[in-house]
Amino acid sequence: MIILPAIDLYDRKVVRLYQGDYDQQEVFGDDPLEFAKSFATAGAKYLHLVDLNGAKEGTKKQFDLVAEIVQQTDLFVELGGGIRSEADIEDCLTVGVKRVILGTIAQKKPEFAKAMIAKYGEKIAVGVDAREGMVAVNGWLETTQTDAYTFCQELVAAGCQTIIYTDIAKDGTGAGMDIAAYQKLNQLGCNIVASGGVATIEDIKGLVQVDTYGTIVGKALYSGQLDLAACLFAAEVKK
């Protein structure tokens, strides 16, 4: 299983939100590039990068930071937050982002998402953020009436190869993972990246046991609750 340490950018700082709430954010630093380099030094090969300003406002005012991180590290960078058009996708790929995450736009304009999946293949992932089983959009500020699991099924049918599934109720809380939910998602036939709530090595081992493709580790790294090298080791071992 792959481990993707997370960097969330807001107003050019490294932050973490509690359950996606912009009013409950903790700032961890003002040099995102140094965080990315430290993850690479610890052995990470992947990086989950989120532009929270983009997610909330639909802007790309931090794109220079994204480009800098991509170009000054050897990390496989996936980027989400505010990707609203094919031009946005092209901008990301041009600077070296390896996988572009469609979020709100995939739920609000499914035909666009399907067209981008068909055109760009593995370079497109879809972020499915769920609150009580329903898809949430616009930086988690709005909960729709779309069933999250059904939505994932539709994405796979459209050819989506990677889904990043976040349980908002768990995100930023350190409350642990709903392993059973990911076990069900892993039967869909695409790469599932688990997100939200990774708190212990046991969470990572549990995801490995149900054949999860990858997991994002965020707040637990920043708080010192988890060690990245230990996470990477645990992700390699299946009993």
C-alpha atoms as a PDB file:
ATOM      1  CA  MET A   1       0.000   0.000   0.000  1.00  0.00           C
ATOM      2  CA  ILE A   2       1.254   3.480  -0.743  1.00  0.00           C
ATOM      3  CA  ILE A   3       1.446   6.198   1.897  1.00  0.00           C
ATOM      4  CA  LEU A   4       0.683   9.770   0.880  1.00  0.00           C
ATOM      5  CA  PRO A   5       1.659  12.367   3.481  1.00  0.00           C
ATOM      6  CA  ALA A   6      -0.593  15.386   3.097  1.00  0.00           C
ATOM      7  CA  ILE A   7       0.125  19.067   2.783  1.00  0.00           C
ATOM      8  CA  ASP A   8      -2.903  21.334   2.905  1.00  0.00           C
ATOM      9  CA  LEU A   9      -2.204  24.879   1.729  1.00  0.00           C
ATOM     10  CA  TYR A  10      -4.264  27.808   2.958  1.00  0.00           C
ATOM     11  CA  ASP A  11      -3.120  31.389   2.514  1.00  0.00           C
ATOM     12  CA  ARG A  12       0.304  29.976   1.594  1.00  0.00           C
ATOM     13  CA  LYS A  13       0.696  28.199   4.931  1.00  0.00           C
ATOM     14  CA  VAL A  14       0.638  24.513   5.896  1.00  0.00           C
ATOM     15  CA  VAL A  15      -2.572  23.906   7.833  1.00  0.00           C
ATOM     16  CA  ARG A  16      -4.912  21.142   8.927  1.00  0.00           C
ATOM     17  CA  LEU A  17      -8.644  21.524   9.280  1.00  0.00           C
ATOM     18  CA  TYR A  18     -10.875  19.789  11.800  1.00  0.00           C
ATOM     19  CA  GLN A  19     -13.635  17.913   9.933  1.00  0.00           C
ATOM     20  CA  GLY A  20     -13.143  20.228   6.982  1.00  0.00           C
ATOM     21  CA  ASP A  21     -14.100  23.311   8.993  1.00  0.00           C
ATOM     22  CA  TYR A  22     -12.196  26.382   7.780  1.00  0.00           C
ATOM     23  CA  ASP A  23     -12.908  28.072  11.089  1.00  0.00           C
ATOM     24  CA  GLN A  24     -11.143  25.258  12.945  1.00  0.00           C
ATOM     25  CA  GLN A  25      -7.699  25.224  11.409  1.00  0.00           C
ATOM     26  CA  GLU A  26      -4.295  24.717  12.911  1.00  0.00           C
ATOM     27  CA  VAL A  27      -1.252  26.271  11.263  1.00  0.00           C
ATOM     28  CA  PHE A  28       1.872  24.093  11.253  1.00  0.00           C
ATOM     29  CA  GLY A  29       4.256  26.220   9.234  1.00  0.00           C
ATOM     30  CA  ASP A  30       4.778  28.769   6.503  1.00  0.00           C
ATOM     31  CA  ASP A  31       7.240  26.876   4.276  1.00  0.00           C
ATOM     32  CA  PRO A  32       5.382  24.124   2.395  1.00  0.00           C
ATOM     33  CA  LEU A  33       8.437  23.206   0.342  1.00  0.00           C
ATOM     34  CA  GLU A  34      10.433  22.332   3.455  1.00  0.00           C
ATOM     35  CA  PHE A  35       7.631  20.039   4.626  1.00  0.00           C
ATOM     36  CA  ALA A  36       7.618  18.285   1.251  1.00  0.00           C
ATOM     37  CA  LYS A  37      11.390  17.846   1.338  1.00  0.00           C
ATOM     38  CA  SER A  38      11.234  16.431   4.868  1.00  0.00           C
ATOM     39  CA  PHE A  39       8.675  13.838   3.749  1.00  0.00           C
ATOM     40  CA  ALA A  40      10.928  12.822   0.864  1.00  0.00           C
ATOM     41  CA  THR A  41      13.906  12.563   3.210  1.00  0.00           C
ATOM     42  CA  ALA A  42      11.876  10.225   5.448  1.00  0.00           C
ATOM     43  CA  GLY A  43      11.324   7.923   2.473  1.00  0.00           C
ATOM     44  CA  ALA A  44       8.014   9.052   1.018  1.00  0.00           C
ATOM     45  CA  LYS A  45       7.519   8.623  -2.721  1.00  0.00           C
ATOM     46  CA  TYR A  46       4.100  10.272  -2.928  1.00  0.00           C
ATOM     47  CA  LEU A  47       2.560  13.548  -1.779  1.00  0.00           C
ATOM     48  CA  HIS A  48      -1.089  14.507  -1.442  1.00  0.00           C
ATOM     49  CA  LEU A  49      -1.305  18.251  -1.961  1.00  0.00           C
ATOM     50  CA  VAL A  50      -4.483  20.268  -1.448  1.00  0.00           C
ATOM     51  CA  ASP A  51      -5.093  23.904  -2.280  1.00  0.00           C
ATOM     52  CA  LEU A  52      -7.719  24.805   0.307  1.00  0.00           C
ATOM     53  CA  ASN A  53      -8.103  28.299  -1.119  1.00  0.00           C
ATOM     54  CA  GLY A  54      -8.853  26.683  -4.448  1.00  0.00           C
ATOM     55  CA  ALA A  55     -11.353  24.289  -2.906  1.00  0.00           C
ATOM     56  CA  LYS A  56     -13.180  27.086  -1.128  1.00  0.00           C
ATOM     57  CA  GLU A  57     -12.852  29.942  -3.610  1.00  0.00           C
ATOM     58  CA  GLY A  58     -12.118  28.310  -6.968  1.00  0.00           C
ATOM     59  CA  THR A  59      -8.870  30.296  -7.270  1.00  0.00           C
ATOM     60  CA  LYS A  60      -5.294  29.280  -8.066  1.00  0.00           C
ATOM     61  CA  LYS A  61      -3.431  31.944  -6.129  1.00  0.00           C
ATOM     62  CA  GLN A  62      -1.043  29.372  -4.610  1.00  0.00           C
ATOM     63  CA  PHE A  63      -0.145  27.628  -7.857  1.00  0.00           C
ATOM     64  CA  ASP A  64       3.433  28.908  -7.760  1.00  0.00           C
ATOM     65  CA  LEU A  65       3.898  27.002  -4.493  1.00  0.00           C
ATOM     66  CA  VAL A  66       2.545  23.854  -6.109  1.00  0.00           C
ATOM     67  CA  ALA A  67       4.950  24.214  -9.031  1.00  0.00           C
ATOM     68  CA  GLU A  68       7.870  24.774  -6.671  1.00  0.00           C
ATOM     69  CA  ILE A  69       7.114  21.630  -4.664  1.00  0.00           C
ATOM     70  CA  VAL A  70       6.755  19.522  -7.808  1.00  0.00           C
ATOM     71  CA  GLN A  71       9.915  20.838  -9.412  1.00  0.00           C
ATOM     72  CA  GLN A  72      12.172  20.751  -6.342  1.00  0.00           C
ATOM     73  CA  THR A  73      11.313  17.241  -5.128  1.00  0.00           C
ATOM     74  CA  ASP A  74      11.115  13.807  -6.762  1.00  0.00           C
ATOM     75  CA  LEU A  75       7.733  13.102  -5.184  1.00  0.00           C
ATOM     76  CA  PHE A  76       4.768  11.797  -7.156  1.00  0.00           C
ATOM     77  CA  VAL A  77       2.445  14.722  -6.458  1.00  0.00           C
ATOM     78  CA  GLU A  78      -1.306  14.526  -6.680  1.00  0.00           C
ATOM     79  CA  LEU A  79      -3.139  17.829  -6.417  1.00  0.00           C
ATOM     80  CA  GLY A  80      -6.695  18.747  -5.532  1.00  0.00           C
ATOM     81  CA  GLY A  81      -8.585  21.896  -4.683  1.00  0.00           C
ATOM     82  CA  GLY A  82     -10.265  24.246  -7.139  1.00  0.00           C
ATOM     83  CA  ILE A  83      -9.760  22.192 -10.302  1.00  0.00           C
ATOM     84  CA  ARG A  84     -12.730  23.442 -12.320  1.00  0.00           C
ATOM     85  CA  SER A  85     -11.774  23.190 -16.011  1.00  0.00           C
ATOM     86  CA  GLU A  86      -9.660  21.316 -18.535  1.00  0.00           C
ATOM     87  CA  ALA A  87      -7.338  24.336 -18.601  1.00  0.00           C
ATOM     88  CA  ASP A  88      -6.754  23.825 -14.861  1.00  0.00           C
ATOM     89  CA  ILE A  89      -5.920  20.179 -15.489  1.00  0.00           C
ATOM     90  CA  GLU A  90      -3.501  21.104 -18.267  1.00  0.00           C
ATOM     91  CA  ASP A  91      -1.809  23.701 -16.039  1.00  0.00           C
ATOM     92  CA  CYS A  92      -1.239  21.075 -13.363  1.00  0.00           C
ATOM     93  CA  LEU A  93       0.127  18.470 -15.751  1.00  0.00           C
ATOM     94  CA  THR A  94       2.366  21.025 -17.450  1.00  0.00           C
ATOM     95  CA  VAL A  95       4.220  21.826 -14.204  1.00  0.00           C
ATOM     96  CA  GLY A  96       4.652  18.128 -13.432  1.00  0.00           C
ATOM     97  CA  VAL A  97       1.718  17.181 -11.197  1.00  0.00           C
ATOM     98  CA  LYS A  98       1.277  13.444 -11.778  1.00  0.00           C
ATOM     99  CA  ARG A  99      -2.379  13.080 -10.784  1.00  0.00           C
ATOM    100  CA  VAL A 100      -5.059  15.754 -10.764  1.00  0.00           C
ATOM    101  CA  ILE A 101      -7.944  15.378  -8.342  1.00  0.00           C
ATOM    102  CA  LEU A 102     -11.424  16.433  -9.405  1.00  0.00           C
ATOM    103  CA  GLY A 103     -13.683  17.172  -6.448  1.00  0.00           C
ATOM    104  CA  THR A 104     -16.750  19.393  -6.505  1.00  0.00           C
ATOM    105  CA  ILE A 105     -16.790  19.567 -10.309  1.00  0.00           C
ATOM    106  CA  ALA A 106     -17.122  15.776 -10.575  1.00  0.00           C
ATOM    107  CA  GLN A 107     -20.368  15.819  -8.630  1.00  0.00           C
ATOM    108  CA  LYS A 108     -21.794  18.999 -10.107  1.00  0.00           C
ATOM    109  CA  LYS A 109     -20.763  18.341 -13.706  1.00  0.00           C
ATOM    110  CA  PRO A 110     -20.464  14.563 -14.044  1.00  0.00           C
ATOM    111  CA  GLU A 111     -20.319  14.654 -17.837  1.00  0.00           C
ATOM    112  CA  PHE A 112     -17.250  16.886 -17.679  1.00  0.00           C
ATOM    113  CA  ALA A 113     -15.616  14.528 -15.191  1.00  0.00           C
ATOM    114  CA  LYS A 114     -16.337  11.515 -17.375  1.00  0.00           C
ATOM    115  CA  ALA A 115     -14.859  13.286 -20.398  1.00  0.00           C
ATOM    116  CA  MET A 116     -11.688  14.161 -18.501  1.00  0.00           C
ATOM    117  CA  ILE A 117     -11.379  10.592 -17.193  1.00  0.00           C
ATOM    118  CA  ALA A 118     -11.724   9.292 -20.740  1.00  0.00           C
ATOM    119  CA  LYS A 119      -9.123  11.747 -22.083  1.00  0.00           C
ATOM    120  CA  TYR A 120      -6.486  11.703 -19.347  1.00  0.00           C
ATOM    121  CA  GLY A 121      -6.946   8.230 -17.854  1.00  0.00           C
ATOM    122  CA  GLU A 122      -4.750   7.480 -14.832  1.00  0.00           C
ATOM    123  CA  LYS A 123      -3.760  11.153 -14.528  1.00  0.00           C
ATOM    124  CA  ILE A 124      -7.224  11.914 -13.150  1.00  0.00           C
ATOM    125  CA  ALA A 125      -8.434  10.945  -9.688  1.00  0.00           C
ATOM    126  CA  VAL A 126     -11.785  11.842  -8.193  1.00  0.00           C
ATOM    127  CA  GLY A 127     -12.105  12.917  -4.603  1.00  0.00           C
ATOM    128  CA  VAL A 128     -15.288  11.640  -3.023  1.00  0.00           C
ATOM    129  CA  ASP A 129     -15.900  13.323   0.302  1.00  0.00           C
ATOM    130  CA  ALA A 130     -18.655  11.743   2.365  1.00  0.00           C
ATOM    131  CA  ARG A 131     -20.612  13.065   5.316  1.00  0.00           C
ATOM    132  CA  GLU A 132     -22.958  10.434   6.778  1.00  0.00           C
ATOM    133  CA  GLY A 133     -22.802   8.543   3.492  1.00  0.00           C
ATOM    134  CA  MET A 134     -23.633  11.510   1.264  1.00  0.00           C
ATOM    135  CA  VAL A 135     -21.289  13.395  -1.050  1.00  0.00           C
ATOM    136  CA  ALA A 136     -20.082  16.770   0.257  1.00  0.00           C
ATOM    137  CA  VAL A 137     -18.787  19.504  -2.068  1.00  0.00           C
ATOM    138  CA  ASN A 138     -17.347  23.040  -2.116  1.00  0.00           C
ATOM    139  CA  GLY A 139     -14.630  22.387   0.430  1.00  0.00           C
ATOM    140  CA  TRP A 140     -17.123  20.265   2.426  1.00  0.00           C
ATOM    141  CA  LEU A 141     -19.304  23.298   2.999  1.00  0.00           C
ATOM    142  CA  GLU A 142     -22.302  21.722   1.248  1.00  0.00           C
ATOM    143  CA  THR A 143     -23.714  18.207   1.628  1.00  0.00           C
ATOM    144  CA  THR A 144     -25.618  16.883  -1.395  1.00  0.00           C
ATOM    145  CA  GLN A 145     -28.313  14.217  -1.659  1.00  0.00           C
ATOM    146  CA  THR A 146     -25.997  11.949  -3.682  1.00  0.00           C
ATOM    147  CA  ASP A 147     -25.156   8.589  -2.099  1.00  0.00           C
ATOM    148  CA  ALA A 148     -21.366   8.378  -1.906  1.00  0.00           C
ATOM    149  CA  TYR A 149     -21.032   4.652  -2.621  1.00  0.00           C
ATOM    150  CA  THR A 150     -23.368   4.844  -5.615  1.00  0.00           C
ATOM    151  CA  PHE A 151     -21.378   7.809  -6.903  1.00  0.00           C
ATOM    152  CA  CYS A 152     -18.183   5.758  -6.643  1.00  0.00           C
ATOM    153  CA  GLN A 153     -19.804   2.962  -8.622  1.00  0.00           C
ATOM    154  CA  GLU A 154     -20.717   5.428 -11.371  1.00  0.00           C
ATOM    155  CA  LEU A 155     -17.164   6.765 -11.486  1.00  0.00           C
ATOM    156  CA  VAL A 156     -15.693   3.291 -11.869  1.00  0.00           C
ATOM    157  CA  ALA A 157     -18.186   2.543 -14.644  1.00  0.00           C
ATOM    158  CA  ALA A 158     -16.925   5.690 -16.387  1.00  0.00           C
ATOM    159  CA  GLY A 159     -13.360   4.400 -16.230  1.00  0.00           C
ATOM    160  CA  CYS A 160     -12.047   6.218 -13.164  1.00  0.00           C
ATOM    161  CA  GLN A 161      -8.891   4.461 -11.971  1.00  0.00           C
ATOM    162  CA  THR A 162      -8.339   6.244  -8.635  1.00  0.00           C
ATOM    163  CA  ILE A 163     -10.857   7.435  -6.050  1.00  0.00           C
ATOM    164  CA  ILE A 164      -9.784   9.322  -2.943  1.00  0.00           C
ATOM    165  CA  TYR A 165     -12.486   8.628  -0.393  1.00  0.00           C
ATOM    166  CA  THR A 166     -12.681  10.837   2.672  1.00  0.00           C
ATOM    167  CA  ASP A 167     -14.910  10.265   5.668  1.00  0.00           C
ATOM    168  CA  ILE A 168     -15.353  13.874   6.796  1.00  0.00           C
ATOM    169  CA  ALA A 169     -16.530  12.878  10.258  1.00  0.00           C
ATOM    170  CA  LYS A 170     -13.117  11.279  10.821  1.00  0.00           C
ATOM    171  CA  ASP A 171     -10.904  13.838   9.096  1.00  0.00           C
ATOM    172  CA  GLY A 172      -8.512  15.732  11.315  1.00  0.00           C
ATOM    173  CA  THR A 173      -9.903  14.039  14.423  1.00  0.00           C
ATOM    174  CA  GLY A 174      -7.452  11.179  14.947  1.00  0.00           C
ATOM    175  CA  ALA A 175     -10.491   8.985  15.557  1.00  0.00           C
ATOM    176  CA  GLY A 176      -9.323   6.072  13.417  1.00  0.00           C
ATOM    177  CA  MET A 177     -10.607   4.501  10.212  1.00  0.00           C
ATOM    178  CA  ASP A 178     -13.819   2.782   9.187  1.00  0.00           C
ATOM    179  CA  ILE A 179     -12.008  -0.266   7.799  1.00  0.00           C
ATOM    180  CA  ALA A 180     -15.242  -2.034   6.838  1.00  0.00           C
ATOM    181  CA  ALA A 181     -16.224   0.871   4.589  1.00  0.00           C
ATOM    182  CA  TYR A 182     -12.919   0.676   2.739  1.00  0.00           C
ATOM    183  CA  GLN A 183     -13.178  -3.088   2.446  1.00  0.00           C
ATOM    184  CA  LYS A 184     -16.463  -2.557   0.603  1.00  0.00           C
ATOM    185  CA  LEU A 185     -15.017   0.206  -1.577  1.00  0.00           C
ATOM    186  CA  ASN A 186     -12.039  -1.982  -2.491  1.00  0.00           C
ATOM    187  CA  GLN A 187     -14.409  -4.358  -4.273  1.00  0.00           C
ATOM    188  CA  LEU A 188     -15.240  -1.686  -6.868  1.00  0.00           C
ATOM    189  CA  GLY A 189     -12.269  -2.506  -9.064  1.00  0.00           C
ATOM    190  CA  CYS A 190     -10.287   0.724  -8.901  1.00  0.00           C
ATOM    191  CA  ASN A 191      -7.548   2.187  -6.728  1.00  0.00           C
ATOM    192  CA  ILE A 192      -9.040   3.441  -3.464  1.00  0.00           C
ATOM    193  CA  VAL A 193      -7.077   5.968  -1.443  1.00  0.00           C
ATOM    194  CA  ALA A 194      -8.338   6.128   2.134  1.00  0.00           C
ATOM    195  CA  SER A 195      -8.422   9.570   3.696  1.00  0.00           C
ATOM    196  CA  GLY A 196      -9.500  10.986   7.021  1.00  0.00           C
ATOM    197  CA  GLY A 197      -8.769   9.740  10.518  1.00  0.00           C
ATOM    198  CA  VAL A 198      -5.536   7.771  10.227  1.00  0.00           C
ATOM    199  CA  ALA A 199      -4.308   7.877  13.810  1.00  0.00           C
ATOM    200  CA  THR A 200      -2.315   4.715  14.517  1.00  0.00           C
ATOM    201  CA  ILE A 201      -0.142   2.106  12.867  1.00  0.00           C
ATOM    202  CA  GLU A 202      -3.052  -0.287  13.437  1.00  0.00           C
ATOM    203  CA  ASP A 203      -5.198   1.858  11.137  1.00  0.00           C
ATOM    204  CA  ILE A 204      -2.596   1.446   8.409  1.00  0.00           C
ATOM    205  CA  LYS A 205      -2.296  -2.287   9.015  1.00  0.00           C
ATOM    206  CA  GLY A 206      -6.080  -2.607   8.852  1.00  0.00           C
ATOM    207  CA  LEU A 207      -6.189  -0.883   5.476  1.00  0.00           C
ATOM    208  CA  VAL A 208      -3.391  -3.129   4.205  1.00  0.00           C
ATOM    209  CA  GLN A 209      -5.317  -6.230   5.256  1.00  0.00           C
ATOM    210  CA  VAL A 210      -8.329  -5.254   3.128  1.00  0.00           C
ATOM    211  CA  ASP A 211      -6.097  -4.543   0.098  1.00  0.00           C
ATOM    212  CA  THR A 212      -6.413  -0.773   0.028  1.00  0.00           C
ATOM    213  CA  TYR A 213      -4.312   0.895  -2.679  1.00  0.00           C
ATOM    214  CA  GLY A 214      -3.193   3.826  -0.548  1.00  0.00           C
ATOM    215  CA  THR A 215      -3.873   6.060   2.406  1.00  0.00           C
ATOM    216  CA  ILE A 216      -3.332   9.718   3.168  1.00  0.00           C
ATOM    217  CA  VAL A 217      -1.706  10.596   6.480  1.00  0.00           C
ATOM    218  CA  GLY A 218      -2.099  14.135   7.705  1.00  0.00           C
ATOM    219  CA  LYS A 219      -2.633  15.520  11.154  1.00  0.00           C
ATOM    220  CA  ALA A 220      -1.156  12.508  12.962  1.00  0.00           C
ATOM    221  CA  LEU A 221       2.188  13.236  11.284  1.00  0.00           C
ATOM    222  CA  TYR A 222       2.135  16.889  12.236  1.00  0.00           C
ATOM    223  CA  SER A 223       1.185  16.196  15.830  1.00  0.00           C
ATOM    224  CA  GLY A 224       3.913  13.596  16.204  1.00  0.00           C
ATOM    225  CA  GLN A 225       1.345  10.876  16.851  1.00  0.00           C
ATOM    226  CA  LEU A 226       2.704   8.934  13.871  1.00  0.00           C
ATOM    227  CA  ASP A 227       6.194   8.612  12.430  1.00  0.00           C
ATOM    228  CA  LEU A 228       6.307   8.641   8.637  1.00  0.00           C
ATOM    229  CA  ALA A 229       9.051   6.022   8.376  1.00  0.00           C
ATOM    230  CA  ALA A 230       7.015   3.686  10.602  1.00  0.00           C
ATOM    231  CA  CYS A 231       3.931   4.282   8.429  1.00  0.00           C
ATOM    232  CA  LEU A 232       5.875   3.444   5.283  1.00  0.00           C
ATOM    233  CA  PHE A 233       7.165   0.237   6.865  1.00  0.00           C
ATOM    234  CA  ALA A 234       3.707  -0.829   8.071  1.00  0.00           C
ATOM    235  CA  ALA A 235       2.270  -0.251   4.601  1.00  0.00           C
ATOM    236  CA  GLU A 236       4.692  -2.781   3.129  1.00  0.00           C
ATOM    237  CA  VAL A 237       3.777  -5.641   5.450  1.00  0.00           C
ATOM    238  CA  LYS A 238       0.740  -7.865   4.994  1.00  0.00           C
ATOM    239  CA  LYS A 239       0.228 -10.800   7.329  1.00  0.00           C
END
